[in-house]
Amino acid sequence: MGVVVILAAVIGFAALSGPPDGSPSGIAAGEVAPAAGELPLSSTYTTVDGAPQDNAVDAKTSGIVVHPIRETPVHDAPNGRAVARMETTQIGDTWLPVIGEDQGWVQVLLPSKPNGSTGWLRSQDVERANTPYLINVHLESKKLELLRDDKVVGEWTVGIGKESAPTPAGRTFLLGAFKDAKQSYSPVILPLGTHSPTHDTFGGGPGTVAIHTWPTDDVYGTETSDGCIRVPPDALDQLTRVPLGTLVMINED
């Protein structure tokens, strides 16, 4: 597993622009399980009906992340109903944090709506790796901590979402990274696997929450963004070295 892959893209802040998957968002109970290609895609552009919700939003993980080695179905339980499909690449290679395991299955956080969606993948369909990093975002104190092996290696004051467009709390993950030549506020944008609770779309995209810099320092320590987390340049420099799939804990404190 490599560090963050930087892609060239034309994508707006707080939103990934581009065509969403056109498949229906869910499989009705009682239907015959479809082939993977017939299932709706789980991505930052889509909503997946029937995906179980994360029931341990405050829990850290062991750092295990997985990468699908082939397009694979996402199930609502081990040996359960297939509700979506996961591709090998999204914004770079797809790496997802493991939040649970059962015999022959791993439970992962999903990048699709609703926030906190999870799913089960067959262990035989994924490659495993381990990230030593954890990103903690504290909303009330407006601090971001980068930990490696449970030790803080960086701490910064950051900007978060305003009252009308708050940064959503909960555990999510580093989904990818890209460069956008059409903007000048951040050399790299790091989308997360979570979305704005108030912006169904933003700039034509799905309202994906991201980490990025800002041209002026006065935004740090404030609640002025549309849900994204604004960080100083030196923070972004360190965060771009963190492996995809790394857990991001967004806490209310």
Protein backbone atom coordinates (compact mmCIF):
# COMPACT_ATOMS: atom_id res chain seq x y z
CA MET A 1 0.00 0.00 0.00
CA GLY A 2 1.42 3.37 -0.99
CA VAL A 3 0.86 6.83 0.39
CA VAL A 4 -1.80 9.13 -1.02
CA VAL A 5 -1.95 9.06 -4.80
CA ILE A 6 -2.31 12.49 -6.37
CA LEU A 7 -4.61 12.62 -9.37
CA ALA A 8 -5.31 15.44 -11.81
CA ALA A 9 -9.00 16.29 -11.68
CA VAL A 10 -11.49 19.10 -12.24
CA ILE A 11 -13.34 18.97 -8.93
CA GLY A 12 -14.76 21.71 -6.70
CA PHE A 13 -14.13 22.24 -2.97
CA ALA A 14 -16.58 20.38 -0.73
CA ALA A 15 -17.87 18.55 -3.79
CA LEU A 16 -16.58 16.07 -6.33
CA SER A 17 -18.03 17.05 -9.67
CA GLY A 18 -18.74 14.48 -12.32
CA PRO A 19 -21.49 12.11 -13.33
CA PRO A 20 -22.90 9.95 -10.52
CA ASP A 21 -23.55 6.29 -11.08
CA GLY A 22 -26.95 5.89 -12.71
CA SER A 23 -27.85 2.60 -11.12
CA PRO A 24 -30.79 2.29 -8.72
CA SER A 25 -29.66 2.78 -5.10
CA GLY A 26 -30.54 -0.52 -3.48
CA ILE A 27 -31.82 -4.05 -3.99
CA ALA A 28 -35.29 -4.87 -2.69
CA ALA A 29 -35.59 -7.55 -0.04
CA GLY A 30 -36.43 -10.94 -1.47
CA GLU A 31 -34.85 -10.38 -4.87
CA VAL A 32 -32.34 -12.83 -6.26
CA ALA A 33 -28.84 -11.58 -5.56
CA PRO A 34 -27.55 -9.90 -8.74
CA ALA A 35 -24.11 -10.14 -10.24
CA ALA A 36 -21.67 -7.50 -9.00
CA GLY A 37 -21.97 -5.46 -12.20
CA GLU A 38 -25.74 -5.14 -11.75
CA LEU A 39 -25.48 -3.65 -8.25
CA PRO A 40 -25.32 0.10 -7.53
CA LEU A 41 -21.81 1.40 -7.06
CA SER A 42 -20.70 2.48 -3.59
CA SER A 43 -18.75 5.67 -4.15
CA THR A 44 -18.69 9.27 -2.99
CA TYR A 45 -21.24 10.03 -5.75
CA THR A 46 -23.90 7.54 -4.69
CA THR A 47 -26.41 6.62 -2.01
CA VAL A 48 -26.69 2.96 -1.04
CA ASP A 49 -29.96 1.85 0.51
CA GLY A 50 -29.79 -1.09 2.90
CA ALA A 51 -26.19 -0.58 4.02
CA PRO A 52 -25.88 -1.09 7.80
CA GLN A 53 -24.97 1.95 9.87
CA ASP A 54 -21.78 2.26 11.90
CA ASN A 55 -22.71 1.47 15.51
CA ALA A 56 -19.33 2.35 17.07
CA VAL A 57 -18.63 5.84 15.79
CA ASP A 58 -16.24 6.65 18.64
CA ALA A 59 -14.14 3.48 18.39
CA LYS A 60 -10.62 3.41 16.97
CA THR A 61 -9.58 0.53 14.75
CA SER A 62 -6.44 -1.61 14.67
CA GLY A 63 -5.29 0.16 11.51
CA ILE A 64 -6.15 -2.65 9.09
CA VAL A 65 -7.22 -1.37 5.66
CA VAL A 66 -8.27 -3.36 2.61
CA HIS A 67 -8.13 -2.88 -1.15
CA PRO A 68 -10.52 -4.78 -3.44
CA ILE A 69 -8.45 -6.83 -5.89
CA ARG A 70 -11.47 -7.14 -8.17
CA GLU A 71 -14.89 -5.51 -8.43
CA THR A 72 -16.78 -7.15 -5.61
CA PRO A 73 -20.25 -7.12 -4.02
CA VAL A 74 -20.84 -5.29 -0.75
CA HIS A 75 -23.11 -7.23 1.61
CA ASP A 76 -25.25 -6.10 4.54
CA ALA A 77 -23.91 -8.94 6.72
CA PRO A 78 -21.56 -11.92 6.38
CA ASN A 79 -23.27 -14.20 3.83
CA GLY A 80 -26.01 -11.55 3.71
CA ARG A 81 -27.75 -9.63 0.96
CA ALA A 82 -25.63 -7.82 -1.64
CA VAL A 83 -26.58 -4.13 -1.55
CA ALA A 84 -23.82 -2.54 -3.66
CA ARG A 85 -20.56 -3.15 -5.46
CA MET A 86 -17.08 -1.83 -4.74
CA GLU A 87 -14.59 -1.00 -7.47
CA THR A 88 -10.82 -1.29 -7.25
CA THR A 89 -10.29 2.43 -7.91
CA GLN A 90 -12.19 5.57 -7.00
CA ILE A 91 -10.05 8.65 -6.32
CA GLY A 92 -6.91 6.61 -6.68
CA ASP A 93 -6.87 3.01 -5.49
CA THR A 94 -9.75 2.10 -3.20
CA TRP A 95 -8.58 1.54 0.38
CA LEU A 96 -11.17 1.11 3.13
CA PRO A 97 -10.74 0.86 6.92
CA VAL A 98 -11.75 -2.43 8.54
CA ILE A 99 -14.08 -1.96 11.51
CA GLY A 100 -15.05 -5.61 12.07
CA GLU A 101 -14.27 -9.17 10.98
CA ASP A 102 -16.08 -12.49 10.80
CA GLN A 103 -14.92 -15.79 9.37
CA GLY A 104 -14.00 -15.04 5.77
CA TRP A 105 -15.46 -11.50 5.87
CA VAL A 106 -14.36 -7.95 6.70
CA GLN A 107 -16.64 -5.05 7.60
CA VAL A 108 -15.57 -1.69 6.20
CA LEU A 109 -16.66 1.92 6.18
CA LEU A 110 -18.16 2.93 2.83
CA PRO A 111 -17.65 6.19 0.90
CA SER A 112 -21.30 6.44 -0.15
CA LYS A 113 -24.27 8.15 1.49
CA PRO A 114 -25.77 8.02 4.04
CA ASN A 115 -22.89 8.99 6.31
CA GLY A 116 -21.74 6.14 8.54
CA SER A 117 -22.63 3.45 6.00
CA THR A 118 -20.80 0.16 6.35
CA GLY A 119 -20.65 -3.09 4.40
CA TRP A 120 -19.12 -6.55 4.37
CA LEU A 121 -16.63 -7.78 1.77
CA ARG A 122 -15.36 -11.32 1.29
CA SER A 123 -11.81 -11.61 2.59
CA GLN A 124 -10.78 -13.48 -0.56
CA ASP A 125 -11.68 -10.40 -2.63
CA VAL A 126 -9.39 -7.94 -0.83
CA GLU A 127 -5.74 -7.23 -0.18
CA ARG A 128 -4.88 -6.33 3.42
CA ALA A 129 -2.44 -3.75 4.72
CA ASN A 130 -1.92 -1.76 7.90
CA THR A 131 -1.64 1.98 8.43
CA PRO A 132 0.07 3.25 11.59
CA TYR A 133 -1.71 6.61 11.31
CA LEU A 134 -4.86 8.09 12.80
CA ILE A 135 -6.30 11.54 12.12
CA ASN A 136 -8.31 13.17 14.94
CA VAL A 137 -10.40 16.27 14.26
CA HIS A 138 -11.84 18.05 17.32
CA LEU A 139 -14.73 20.30 16.31
CA GLU A 140 -15.20 22.35 19.47
CA SER A 141 -11.52 23.10 19.98
CA LYS A 142 -10.90 23.25 16.22
CA LYS A 143 -7.78 21.14 16.43
CA LEU A 144 -6.50 18.42 14.11
CA GLU A 145 -4.06 15.81 15.41
CA LEU A 146 -2.02 13.41 13.32
CA LEU A 147 -0.97 10.30 15.23
CA ARG A 148 1.48 7.60 14.25
CA ASP A 149 1.61 4.46 16.40
CA ASP A 150 -0.62 6.26 18.94
CA LYS A 151 1.85 9.14 19.29
CA VAL A 152 0.97 12.68 18.19
CA VAL A 153 3.33 13.72 15.39
CA GLY A 154 1.48 16.88 14.41
CA GLU A 155 -1.18 19.20 15.80
CA TRP A 156 -2.77 22.24 14.16
CA THR A 157 -5.60 24.73 14.60
CA VAL A 158 -8.05 24.27 11.72
CA GLY A 159 -11.19 25.78 10.25
CA ILE A 160 -14.45 23.81 10.17
CA GLY A 161 -17.99 24.09 8.82
CA LYS A 162 -20.23 27.01 9.71
CA GLU A 163 -23.45 26.56 11.67
CA SER A 164 -25.57 26.29 8.51
CA ALA A 165 -23.21 23.71 6.97
CA PRO A 166 -21.47 21.89 9.83
CA THR A 167 -18.64 19.42 9.50
CA PRO A 168 -20.25 16.04 10.30
CA ALA A 169 -19.02 14.19 13.39
CA GLY A 170 -18.28 10.47 13.33
CA ARG A 171 -15.57 8.17 12.04
CA THR A 172 -14.67 8.26 8.39
CA PHE A 173 -11.50 7.78 6.36
CA LEU A 174 -9.06 9.27 3.89
CA LEU A 175 -10.67 8.42 0.55
CA GLY A 176 -8.23 9.93 -1.92
CA ALA A 177 -6.37 13.00 -3.14
CA PHE A 178 -6.43 15.15 -6.23
CA LYS A 179 -5.18 18.38 -7.77
CA ASP A 180 -7.61 20.84 -9.32
CA ALA A 181 -6.13 23.32 -11.77
CA LYS A 182 -9.32 25.44 -11.69
CA GLN A 183 -8.83 26.57 -8.09
CA SER A 184 -6.03 28.23 -6.16
CA TYR A 185 -7.02 27.66 -2.53
CA SER A 186 -5.20 24.35 -2.08
CA PRO A 187 -2.45 22.55 -4.02
CA VAL A 188 -3.96 19.18 -3.05
CA ILE A 189 -7.47 18.29 -1.84
CA LEU A 190 -8.04 15.23 0.35
CA PRO A 191 -11.66 14.01 0.14
CA LEU A 192 -13.00 11.95 3.02
CA GLY A 193 -15.61 9.19 3.06
CA THR A 194 -18.28 11.49 4.49
CA HIS A 195 -20.64 14.17 3.20
CA SER A 196 -22.13 17.48 4.26
CA PRO A 197 -25.37 16.96 6.23
CA THR A 198 -26.87 20.10 4.67
CA HIS A 199 -25.48 20.25 1.11
CA ASP A 200 -26.94 17.42 -0.95
CA THR A 201 -24.79 18.81 -3.74
CA PHE A 202 -22.12 21.49 -3.88
CA GLY A 203 -20.74 23.02 -7.05
CA GLY A 204 -22.49 20.31 -9.06
CA GLY A 205 -20.96 17.45 -7.06
CA PRO A 206 -22.05 15.26 -4.14
CA GLY A 207 -21.04 17.53 -1.23
CA THR A 208 -18.07 15.42 -0.18
CA VAL A 209 -16.24 16.73 2.90
CA ALA A 210 -12.52 17.25 2.28
CA ILE A 211 -9.35 18.45 3.96
CA HIS A 212 -7.52 21.30 2.21
CA THR A 213 -5.65 24.55 2.78
CA TRP A 214 -6.88 28.12 2.32
CA PRO A 215 -5.22 31.27 0.91
CA THR A 216 -5.55 33.26 4.16
CA ASP A 217 -4.69 32.31 7.75
CA ASP A 218 -7.72 34.03 9.28
CA VAL A 219 -9.95 30.97 8.65
CA TYR A 220 -8.05 28.77 11.10
CA GLY A 221 -9.88 28.52 14.40
CA THR A 222 -13.19 29.60 12.82
CA GLU A 223 -16.44 28.01 11.67
CA THR A 224 -16.65 29.47 8.18
CA SER A 225 -16.38 26.65 5.62
CA ASP A 226 -19.19 24.75 3.90
CA GLY A 227 -18.25 21.63 5.86
CA CYS A 228 -14.68 21.03 4.77
CA ILE A 229 -11.71 21.06 7.14
CA ARG A 230 -9.26 23.86 6.34
CA VAL A 231 -5.70 23.17 7.46
CA PRO A 232 -2.40 25.10 7.34
CA PRO A 233 0.02 24.23 4.51
CA ASP A 234 2.43 22.30 6.75
CA ALA A 235 -0.45 20.13 7.95
CA LEU A 236 -1.49 19.36 4.39
CA ASP A 237 2.10 18.48 3.54
CA GLN A 238 2.15 15.83 6.27
CA LEU A 239 -1.37 14.57 5.57
CA THR A 240 -0.60 13.90 1.91
CA ARG A 241 1.94 11.31 3.10
CA VAL A 242 -0.69 9.36 5.04
CA PRO A 243 -1.94 6.13 3.38
CA LEU A 244 -5.39 6.04 1.85
CA GLY A 245 -7.93 4.27 4.02
CA THR A 246 -6.52 5.79 7.21
CA LEU A 247 -9.20 6.36 9.83
CA VAL A 248 -10.37 9.93 10.47
CA MET A 249 -12.17 10.50 13.76
CA ILE A 250 -14.26 13.69 13.74
CA ASN A 251 -15.16 14.35 17.37
CA GLU A 252 -17.55 16.88 18.91
CA ASP A 253 -15.01 17.99 21.56
